[in-house]
Amino acid sequence: SLQLAITGQQVSQRTIVFCGVHFMAESAKVLAPDKRVLLPNLSAGCSLADSITAESLEDWKARYPDHAVVTYVNSTAEVKALSDVCCTSANAASVVRSLPQRKILFTPDRNLGAWVKSKVPEKEIVVYDGCCPVHDVLRSASVNKVKAGNPAAVVIAHPECRADVLAIADEIC
C-alpha cells in the first residue's frame, strides 16, 4: 500500500484514484498534498487501521509516557501524526532496533508487534492489541492441512500472521 502511495506521488497526473482503503488514500494525499486523491468507495475501511484511534493512542501514550511510539504504516494519518516513527512490515524490526529509546509502544498490529519483539529482544516492547482479521484468522492447522496435500509447497508468511503460522513458515517476509 505504501508503494502505491509513493507511485502516486511520482506520476505526473494531478488526480489519483485510489482503489483501496481510507488509510491508503490518506497516505497518498500526505505524500502528494498538491494532488487530488479520490477514494471511489468512502466506506472502504480497514479493520486493522480502525482498531486504534488517535484518542486511544493518546490514552495509551499517557500510560507509558517514557516510551517511543512506532506505528505500522497500515494506520490512519491521525495515528501516524501522534507517533514518533512509522514503519513497514519489511523494516519494522530494523526501525525499532535503530531507535535510541529502549522502551517502545508498537501499534496497531499485535502479530507484527510480537514478531518484532522476537527479533529485537533487547528492547522493552509493549504491543497494542489490534490485528488484521485476514491474517489473524489463519491457523497453522489450516496451513498444515494444505501442506499435507502439497508436500513440496513452500510456506511464505507475512509477519502479520499469528505466531503458530510463523513457526511453520519456510520464509517470513
C-alpha atoms as a PDB file:
ATOM      1  CA  SER A   1       0.000   0.000   0.000  1.00  0.00           C
ATOM      2  CA  LEU A   2       2.826   2.428   0.778  1.00  0.00           C
ATOM      3  CA  GLN A   3       4.441   1.732  -2.592  1.00  0.00           C
ATOM      4  CA  LEU A   4       1.164   2.637  -4.306  1.00  0.00           C
ATOM      5  CA  ALA A   5       1.129   5.959  -2.448  1.00  0.00           C
ATOM      6  CA  ILE A   6       4.757   6.586  -3.414  1.00  0.00           C
ATOM      7  CA  THR A   7       3.915   5.814  -7.038  1.00  0.00           C
ATOM      8  CA  GLY A   8       1.019   8.274  -6.847  1.00  0.00           C
ATOM      9  CA  GLN A   9       3.472  10.918  -5.675  1.00  0.00           C
ATOM     10  CA  GLN A  10       5.807  10.240  -8.606  1.00  0.00           C
ATOM     11  CA  VAL A  11       3.350  10.147 -11.507  1.00  0.00           C
ATOM     12  CA  SER A  12       2.653  13.313 -13.479  1.00  0.00           C
ATOM     13  CA  GLN A  13      -1.132  13.070 -13.218  1.00  0.00           C
ATOM     14  CA  ARG A  14      -2.767  15.631 -10.905  1.00  0.00           C
ATOM     15  CA  THR A  15      -5.569  13.290  -9.808  1.00  0.00           C
ATOM     16  CA  ILE A  16      -5.081   9.917  -8.132  1.00  0.00           C
ATOM     17  CA  VAL A  17      -7.984   7.488  -7.955  1.00  0.00           C
ATOM     18  CA  PHE A  18      -7.010   5.221  -5.084  1.00  0.00           C
ATOM     19  CA  CYS A  19      -8.881   1.921  -5.264  1.00  0.00           C
ATOM     20  CA  GLY A  20      -8.091   0.815  -1.748  1.00  0.00           C
ATOM     21  CA  VAL A  21      -8.984   1.685   1.820  1.00  0.00           C
ATOM     22  CA  HIS A  22      -9.020   5.010   3.680  1.00  0.00           C
ATOM     23  CA  PHE A  23      -5.525   4.825   5.164  1.00  0.00           C
ATOM     24  CA  MET A  24      -4.056   4.136   1.719  1.00  0.00           C
ATOM     25  CA  ALA A  25      -5.729   7.192   0.201  1.00  0.00           C
ATOM     26  CA  GLU A  26      -4.623   9.271   3.209  1.00  0.00           C
ATOM     27  CA  SER A  27      -1.031   8.141   2.681  1.00  0.00           C
ATOM     28  CA  ALA A  28      -1.233   9.133  -0.968  1.00  0.00           C
ATOM     29  CA  LYS A  29      -2.521  12.581  -0.002  1.00  0.00           C
ATOM     30  CA  VAL A  30       0.164  13.054   2.666  1.00  0.00           C
ATOM     31  CA  LEU A  31       2.892  12.175   0.148  1.00  0.00           C
ATOM     32  CA  ALA A  32       1.332  14.255  -2.640  1.00  0.00           C
ATOM     33  CA  PRO A  33      -0.514  17.138  -0.919  1.00  0.00           C
ATOM     34  CA  ASP A  34      -0.744  19.103  -4.181  1.00  0.00           C
ATOM     35  CA  LYS A  35      -2.663  16.293  -5.914  1.00  0.00           C
ATOM     36  CA  ARG A  36      -6.335  15.452  -5.783  1.00  0.00           C
ATOM     37  CA  VAL A  37      -6.856  11.997  -4.254  1.00  0.00           C
ATOM     38  CA  LEU A  38     -10.183  10.266  -4.818  1.00  0.00           C
ATOM     39  CA  LEU A  39     -11.419   7.203  -2.952  1.00  0.00           C
ATOM     40  CA  PRO A  40     -14.245   5.635  -5.001  1.00  0.00           C
ATOM     41  CA  ASN A  41     -15.772   3.789  -2.048  1.00  0.00           C
ATOM     42  CA  LEU A  42     -15.960   6.025   1.013  1.00  0.00           C
ATOM     43  CA  SER A  43     -16.918   3.057   3.185  1.00  0.00           C
ATOM     44  CA  ALA A  44     -13.718   1.175   2.286  1.00  0.00           C
ATOM     45  CA  GLY A  45     -12.244   0.689   5.717  1.00  0.00           C
ATOM     46  CA  CYS A  46      -9.513  -1.417   7.211  1.00  0.00           C
ATOM     47  CA  SER A  47     -10.173  -3.262  10.459  1.00  0.00           C
ATOM     48  CA  LEU A  48      -6.504  -3.023  11.426  1.00  0.00           C
ATOM     49  CA  ALA A  49      -6.313   0.733  10.883  1.00  0.00           C
ATOM     50  CA  ASP A  50      -9.671   1.160  12.615  1.00  0.00           C
ATOM     51  CA  SER A  51      -8.506  -0.840  15.650  1.00  0.00           C
ATOM     52  CA  ILE A  52      -6.730   2.213  17.070  1.00  0.00           C
ATOM     53  CA  THR A  53      -7.929   5.802  17.133  1.00  0.00           C
ATOM     54  CA  ALA A  54      -5.991   8.970  17.860  1.00  0.00           C
ATOM     55  CA  GLU A  55      -7.804   9.182  21.205  1.00  0.00           C
ATOM     56  CA  SER A  56      -6.921   5.631  22.227  1.00  0.00           C
ATOM     57  CA  LEU A  57      -3.284   6.196  21.211  1.00  0.00           C
ATOM     58  CA  GLU A  58      -3.182   9.371  23.295  1.00  0.00           C
ATOM     59  CA  ASP A  59      -4.539   7.415  26.281  1.00  0.00           C
ATOM     60  CA  TRP A  60      -2.007   4.638  25.699  1.00  0.00           C
ATOM     61  CA  LYS A  61       0.852   7.148  25.468  1.00  0.00           C
ATOM     62  CA  ALA A  62      -0.271   8.729  28.763  1.00  0.00           C
ATOM     63  CA  ARG A  63       0.001   5.301  30.441  1.00  0.00           C
ATOM     64  CA  TYR A  64       3.508   4.814  29.006  1.00  0.00           C
ATOM     65  CA  PRO A  65       4.982   8.335  28.909  1.00  0.00           C
ATOM     66  CA  ASP A  66       8.613   7.244  28.570  1.00  0.00           C
ATOM     67  CA  HIS A  67       8.030   5.004  25.528  1.00  0.00           C
ATOM     68  CA  ALA A  68       8.648   5.887  21.881  1.00  0.00           C
ATOM     69  CA  VAL A  69       5.688   5.136  19.595  1.00  0.00           C
ATOM     70  CA  VAL A  70       6.343   3.031  16.494  1.00  0.00           C
ATOM     71  CA  THR A  71       3.329   2.766  14.215  1.00  0.00           C
ATOM     72  CA  TYR A  72       2.855   0.346  11.346  1.00  0.00           C
ATOM     73  CA  VAL A  73       2.127   2.267   8.161  1.00  0.00           C
ATOM     74  CA  ASN A  74      -1.234   0.487   7.828  1.00  0.00           C
ATOM     75  CA  SER A  75      -2.852   3.036  10.118  1.00  0.00           C
ATOM     76  CA  THR A  76      -4.697   6.333   9.850  1.00  0.00           C
ATOM     77  CA  ALA A  77      -2.983   9.664   9.282  1.00  0.00           C
ATOM     78  CA  GLU A  78      -4.190  10.832  12.714  1.00  0.00           C
ATOM     79  CA  VAL A  79      -2.460   7.900  14.428  1.00  0.00           C
ATOM     80  CA  LYS A  80       0.690   8.355  12.350  1.00  0.00           C
ATOM     81  CA  ALA A  81       0.793  12.031  13.355  1.00  0.00           C
ATOM     82  CA  LEU A  82       0.878  11.056  17.048  1.00  0.00           C
ATOM     83  CA  SER A  83       3.707   8.574  16.510  1.00  0.00           C
ATOM     84  CA  ASP A  84       7.447   9.058  16.803  1.00  0.00           C
ATOM     85  CA  VAL A  85       8.149   6.963  13.724  1.00  0.00           C
ATOM     86  CA  CYS A  86       6.284   4.796  11.223  1.00  0.00           C
ATOM     87  CA  CYS A  87       7.450   1.527   9.759  1.00  0.00           C
ATOM     88  CA  THR A  88       6.501  -1.027   7.149  1.00  0.00           C
ATOM     89  CA  SER A  89       6.302  -4.740   7.814  1.00  0.00           C
ATOM     90  CA  ALA A  90       9.590  -5.123   5.933  1.00  0.00           C
ATOM     91  CA  ASN A  91      11.528  -2.649   8.080  1.00  0.00           C
ATOM     92  CA  ALA A  92       9.664  -2.824  11.415  1.00  0.00           C
ATOM     93  CA  ALA A  93      12.381  -4.709  13.317  1.00  0.00           C
ATOM     94  CA  SER A  94      15.133  -2.507  11.879  1.00  0.00           C
ATOM     95  CA  VAL A  95      13.231   0.669  12.760  1.00  0.00           C
ATOM     96  CA  VAL A  96      12.674  -0.464  16.351  1.00  0.00           C
ATOM     97  CA  ARG A  97      16.298  -1.617  16.660  1.00  0.00           C
ATOM     98  CA  SER A  98      17.560   1.759  15.362  1.00  0.00           C
ATOM     99  CA  LEU A  99      15.752   3.875  17.945  1.00  0.00           C
ATOM    100  CA  PRO A 100      17.771   5.236  20.864  1.00  0.00           C
ATOM    101  CA  GLN A 101      14.846   4.580  23.228  1.00  0.00           C
ATOM    102  CA  ARG A 102      14.812   1.217  24.967  1.00  0.00           C
ATOM    103  CA  LYS A 103      11.075   1.334  25.662  1.00  0.00           C
ATOM    104  CA  ILE A 104       8.738   1.096  22.686  1.00  0.00           C
ATOM    105  CA  LEU A 105       4.983   1.149  22.110  1.00  0.00           C
ATOM    106  CA  PHE A 106       4.228  -0.763  18.905  1.00  0.00           C
ATOM    107  CA  THR A 107       0.916  -0.143  17.200  1.00  0.00           C
ATOM    108  CA  PRO A 108      -1.530  -1.233  15.890  1.00  0.00           C
ATOM    109  CA  ASP A 109      -0.881  -4.881  14.922  1.00  0.00           C
ATOM    110  CA  ARG A 110      -0.307  -7.345  17.775  1.00  0.00           C
ATOM    111  CA  ASN A 111       1.016 -10.090  15.499  1.00  0.00           C
ATOM    112  CA  LEU A 112       3.524  -7.873  13.723  1.00  0.00           C
ATOM    113  CA  GLY A 113       4.428  -6.378  17.094  1.00  0.00           C
ATOM    114  CA  ALA A 114       5.024  -9.831  18.607  1.00  0.00           C
ATOM    115  CA  TRP A 115       7.224 -10.760  15.650  1.00  0.00           C
ATOM    116  CA  VAL A 116       9.213  -7.524  16.068  1.00  0.00           C
ATOM    117  CA  LYS A 117       9.517  -8.236  19.791  1.00  0.00           C
ATOM    118  CA  SER A 118      11.019 -11.661  18.975  1.00  0.00           C
ATOM    119  CA  LYS A 119      13.517 -10.053  16.592  1.00  0.00           C
ATOM    120  CA  VAL A 120      14.531  -7.212  18.923  1.00  0.00           C
ATOM    121  CA  PRO A 121      14.729  -8.767  22.410  1.00  0.00           C
ATOM    122  CA  GLU A 122      16.998  -6.008  23.702  1.00  0.00           C
ATOM    123  CA  LYS A 123      14.062  -3.559  23.649  1.00  0.00           C
ATOM    124  CA  GLU A 124      11.108  -3.436  26.014  1.00  0.00           C
ATOM    125  CA  ILE A 125       8.207  -3.502  23.557  1.00  0.00           C
ATOM    126  CA  VAL A 126       4.592  -3.059  24.592  1.00  0.00           C
ATOM    127  CA  VAL A 127       2.301  -4.188  21.785  1.00  0.00           C
ATOM    128  CA  TYR A 128      -1.140  -2.750  21.054  1.00  0.00           C
ATOM    129  CA  ASP A 129      -3.954  -5.299  20.777  1.00  0.00           C
ATOM    130  CA  GLY A 130      -5.114  -4.609  17.218  1.00  0.00           C
ATOM    131  CA  CYS A 131      -4.929  -7.017  14.306  1.00  0.00           C
ATOM    132  CA  CYS A 132      -5.699  -7.614  10.682  1.00  0.00           C
ATOM    133  CA  PRO A 133      -8.538 -10.146  10.747  1.00  0.00           C
ATOM    134  CA  VAL A 134      -7.455 -11.621   7.414  1.00  0.00           C
ATOM    135  CA  HIS A 135      -4.041 -12.537   8.839  1.00  0.00           C
ATOM    136  CA  ASP A 136      -5.260 -13.291  12.356  1.00  0.00           C
ATOM    137  CA  VAL A 137      -7.871 -15.850  11.295  1.00  0.00           C
ATOM    138  CA  LEU A 138      -5.298 -18.117   9.633  1.00  0.00           C
ATOM    139  CA  ARG A 139      -4.157 -21.009  11.839  1.00  0.00           C
ATOM    140  CA  SER A 140      -1.270 -23.443  11.496  1.00  0.00           C
ATOM    141  CA  ALA A 141      -3.729 -26.360  11.335  1.00  0.00           C
ATOM    142  CA  SER A 142      -5.173 -24.943   8.112  1.00  0.00           C
ATOM    143  CA  VAL A 143      -1.711 -24.378   6.650  1.00  0.00           C
ATOM    144  CA  ASN A 144      -0.589 -27.878   7.652  1.00  0.00           C
ATOM    145  CA  LYS A 145      -3.700 -29.376   6.023  1.00  0.00           C
ATOM    146  CA  VAL A 146      -2.918 -27.667   2.714  1.00  0.00           C
ATOM    147  CA  LYS A 147       0.777 -28.505   3.051  1.00  0.00           C
ATOM    148  CA  ALA A 148      -0.088 -32.212   3.573  1.00  0.00           C
ATOM    149  CA  GLY A 149      -1.771 -32.244   0.169  1.00  0.00           C
ATOM    150  CA  ASN A 150       1.152 -30.344  -1.385  1.00  0.00           C
ATOM    151  CA  PRO A 151       4.280 -31.501   0.466  1.00  0.00           C
ATOM    152  CA  ALA A 152       6.678 -29.691  -1.889  1.00  0.00           C
ATOM    153  CA  ALA A 153       4.932 -26.348  -1.354  1.00  0.00           C
ATOM    154  CA  VAL A 154       6.901 -23.556   0.268  1.00  0.00           C
ATOM    155  CA  VAL A 155       5.056 -21.699   3.032  1.00  0.00           C
ATOM    156  CA  ILE A 156       5.657 -17.963   2.929  1.00  0.00           C
ATOM    157  CA  ALA A 157       4.058 -15.957   5.719  1.00  0.00           C
ATOM    158  CA  HIS A 158       3.600 -12.262   6.345  1.00  0.00           C
ATOM    159  CA  PRO A 159       4.705 -11.176   9.841  1.00  0.00           C
ATOM    160  CA  GLU A 160       1.119 -10.029  10.479  1.00  0.00           C
ATOM    161  CA  CYS A 161       0.241 -13.734  10.789  1.00  0.00           C
ATOM    162  CA  ARG A 162      -0.141 -15.393  14.161  1.00  0.00           C
ATOM    163  CA  ALA A 163       2.922 -16.927  15.822  1.00  0.00           C
ATOM    164  CA  ASP A 164       1.739 -20.509  15.162  1.00  0.00           C
ATOM    165  CA  VAL A 165       1.702 -19.797  11.407  1.00  0.00           C
ATOM    166  CA  LEU A 166       5.072 -18.057  11.513  1.00  0.00           C
ATOM    167  CA  ALA A 167       6.537 -21.060  13.360  1.00  0.00           C
ATOM    168  CA  ILE A 168       5.800 -23.399  10.440  1.00  0.00           C
ATOM    169  CA  ALA A 169       6.644 -20.954   7.645  1.00  0.00           C
ATOM    170  CA  ASP A 170       9.617 -21.628   5.407  1.00  0.00           C
ATOM    171  CA  GLU A 171      10.024 -17.882   4.953  1.00  0.00           C
ATOM    172  CA  ILE A 172       8.654 -14.845   6.788  1.00  0.00           C
ATOM    173  CA  CYS A 173       8.673 -11.689   4.709  1.00  0.00           C
END
